[in-house]
């Protein structure tokens, strides 16, 4: 059986804030790149590399958050307990699992 994670409202808010920050960071660094390209002052290659890295980072964070939201689950079969949280996957043998505790506070 495969079960999808249920995220709490606080986690959903954190994901939304992280998306907003990533979008703001991307837009701000894109503006910086256009200003640097249209400037009369010639910048060093280090400055261009730092701006480009600052453009790649919010994209990577957005991909990570999306993978956490879409690809998080746990699966139980006869031999294994598989826990997947985004791009991270853990697989446990069922013989090693002593008990599973239900989180009553979050009702999951």
Protein backbone atom coordinates (compact mmCIF):
# COMPACT_ATOMS: atom_id res chain seq x y z
CA UNK A 1 0.00 0.00 0.00
CA UNK A 2 1.19 3.48 -0.86
CA UNK A 3 0.24 6.52 1.22
CA UNK A 4 0.87 10.16 0.31
CA UNK A 5 2.13 12.57 2.95
CA UNK A 6 -0.39 15.02 4.34
CA UNK A 7 1.29 18.34 5.03
CA UNK A 8 0.06 20.57 7.83
CA UNK A 9 -1.13 24.11 7.19
CA UNK A 10 2.10 25.49 8.64
CA UNK A 11 4.17 23.45 6.17
CA UNK A 12 2.00 24.63 3.28
CA UNK A 13 2.56 28.24 4.40
CA UNK A 14 6.32 27.63 4.63
CA UNK A 15 6.31 26.17 1.10
CA UNK A 16 4.38 29.20 -0.21
CA UNK A 17 6.79 31.63 1.50
CA UNK A 18 9.76 29.75 0.05
CA UNK A 19 8.23 29.94 -3.44
CA UNK A 20 7.65 33.69 -3.00
CA UNK A 21 11.21 34.26 -1.79
CA UNK A 22 12.61 32.22 -4.67
CA UNK A 23 10.55 34.23 -7.16
CA UNK A 24 11.67 37.51 -5.59
CA UNK A 25 15.31 36.42 -5.58
CA UNK A 26 15.11 35.36 -9.23
CA UNK A 27 13.47 38.63 -10.31
CA UNK A 28 15.91 40.78 -8.34
CA UNK A 29 18.96 39.00 -9.78
CA UNK A 30 17.53 39.12 -13.29
CA UNK A 31 17.21 42.90 -12.91
CA UNK A 32 20.80 43.02 -11.63
CA UNK A 33 21.97 41.05 -14.67
CA UNK A 34 20.19 43.37 -17.13
CA UNK A 35 21.60 46.43 -15.36
CA UNK A 36 25.10 44.95 -15.45
CA UNK A 37 24.83 44.17 -19.16
CA UNK A 38 23.57 47.65 -20.04
CA UNK A 39 26.05 49.47 -17.81
CA UNK A 40 28.97 51.47 -19.16
CA UNK A 41 31.16 50.02 -16.43
CA UNK A 42 32.64 46.69 -17.40
CA UNK A 43 32.27 44.08 -14.67
CA UNK A 44 34.64 41.24 -13.97
CA UNK A 45 33.68 37.69 -14.84
CA UNK A 46 33.29 36.94 -11.11
CA UNK A 47 30.37 39.38 -10.92
CA UNK A 48 28.59 37.74 -13.85
CA UNK A 49 29.16 34.27 -12.41
CA UNK A 50 27.76 35.32 -9.03
CA UNK A 51 24.64 36.79 -10.65
CA UNK A 52 24.09 33.66 -12.75
CA UNK A 53 24.51 31.43 -9.68
CA UNK A 54 22.00 33.61 -7.87
CA UNK A 55 19.60 32.96 -10.77
CA UNK A 56 20.14 29.19 -10.63
CA UNK A 57 19.68 28.87 -6.85
CA UNK A 58 15.99 29.92 -6.69
CA UNK A 59 15.21 27.57 -9.58
CA UNK A 60 16.88 24.70 -7.73
CA UNK A 61 14.99 25.53 -4.52
CA UNK A 62 11.69 25.64 -6.42
CA UNK A 63 12.42 22.24 -7.98
CA UNK A 64 13.24 20.82 -4.54
CA UNK A 65 10.03 22.18 -2.99
CA UNK A 66 7.95 20.88 -5.90
CA UNK A 67 9.51 17.43 -5.58
CA UNK A 68 8.75 17.41 -1.85
CA UNK A 69 5.11 18.34 -2.47
CA UNK A 70 4.51 15.94 -5.36
CA UNK A 71 6.77 12.97 -4.59
CA UNK A 72 6.51 12.46 -0.83
CA UNK A 73 4.96 9.20 0.30
CA UNK A 74 5.49 6.07 2.30
CA UNK A 75 4.86 2.60 0.96
CA UNK A 76 4.38 -0.61 2.87
CA UNK A 77 4.63 -4.04 1.30
CA UNK A 78 5.40 -7.51 2.63
CA UNK A 79 9.17 -7.04 2.82
CA UNK A 80 9.92 -3.31 2.93
CA UNK A 81 8.83 0.04 4.32
CA UNK A 82 9.79 2.75 1.84
CA UNK A 83 9.79 6.40 2.91
CA UNK A 84 10.26 9.01 0.19
CA UNK A 85 10.52 12.73 0.97
CA UNK A 86 11.13 14.63 -2.24
CA UNK A 87 14.35 13.34 -3.75
CA UNK A 88 15.38 11.47 -0.59
CA UNK A 89 14.40 7.81 -0.30
CA UNK A 90 14.86 5.42 2.62
CA UNK A 91 14.02 1.74 2.48
CA UNK A 92 13.68 -0.38 5.62
CA UNK A 93 13.16 -4.11 6.00
CA UNK A 94 9.86 -4.90 7.69
CA UNK A 95 11.62 -7.26 10.09
CA UNK A 96 13.54 -4.24 11.48
CA UNK A 97 10.37 -2.19 12.13
CA UNK A 98 9.18 -2.59 15.73
CA UNK A 99 6.18 -0.26 15.65
CA UNK A 100 4.63 2.61 13.72
CA UNK A 101 3.39 5.60 15.71
CA UNK A 102 0.44 7.61 14.42
CA UNK A 103 0.72 11.37 14.84
CA UNK A 104 -2.61 12.07 16.52
CA UNK A 105 -2.05 15.83 16.78
CA UNK A 106 -1.83 16.26 12.99
CA UNK A 107 -4.37 13.48 12.34
CA UNK A 108 -2.13 11.66 9.88
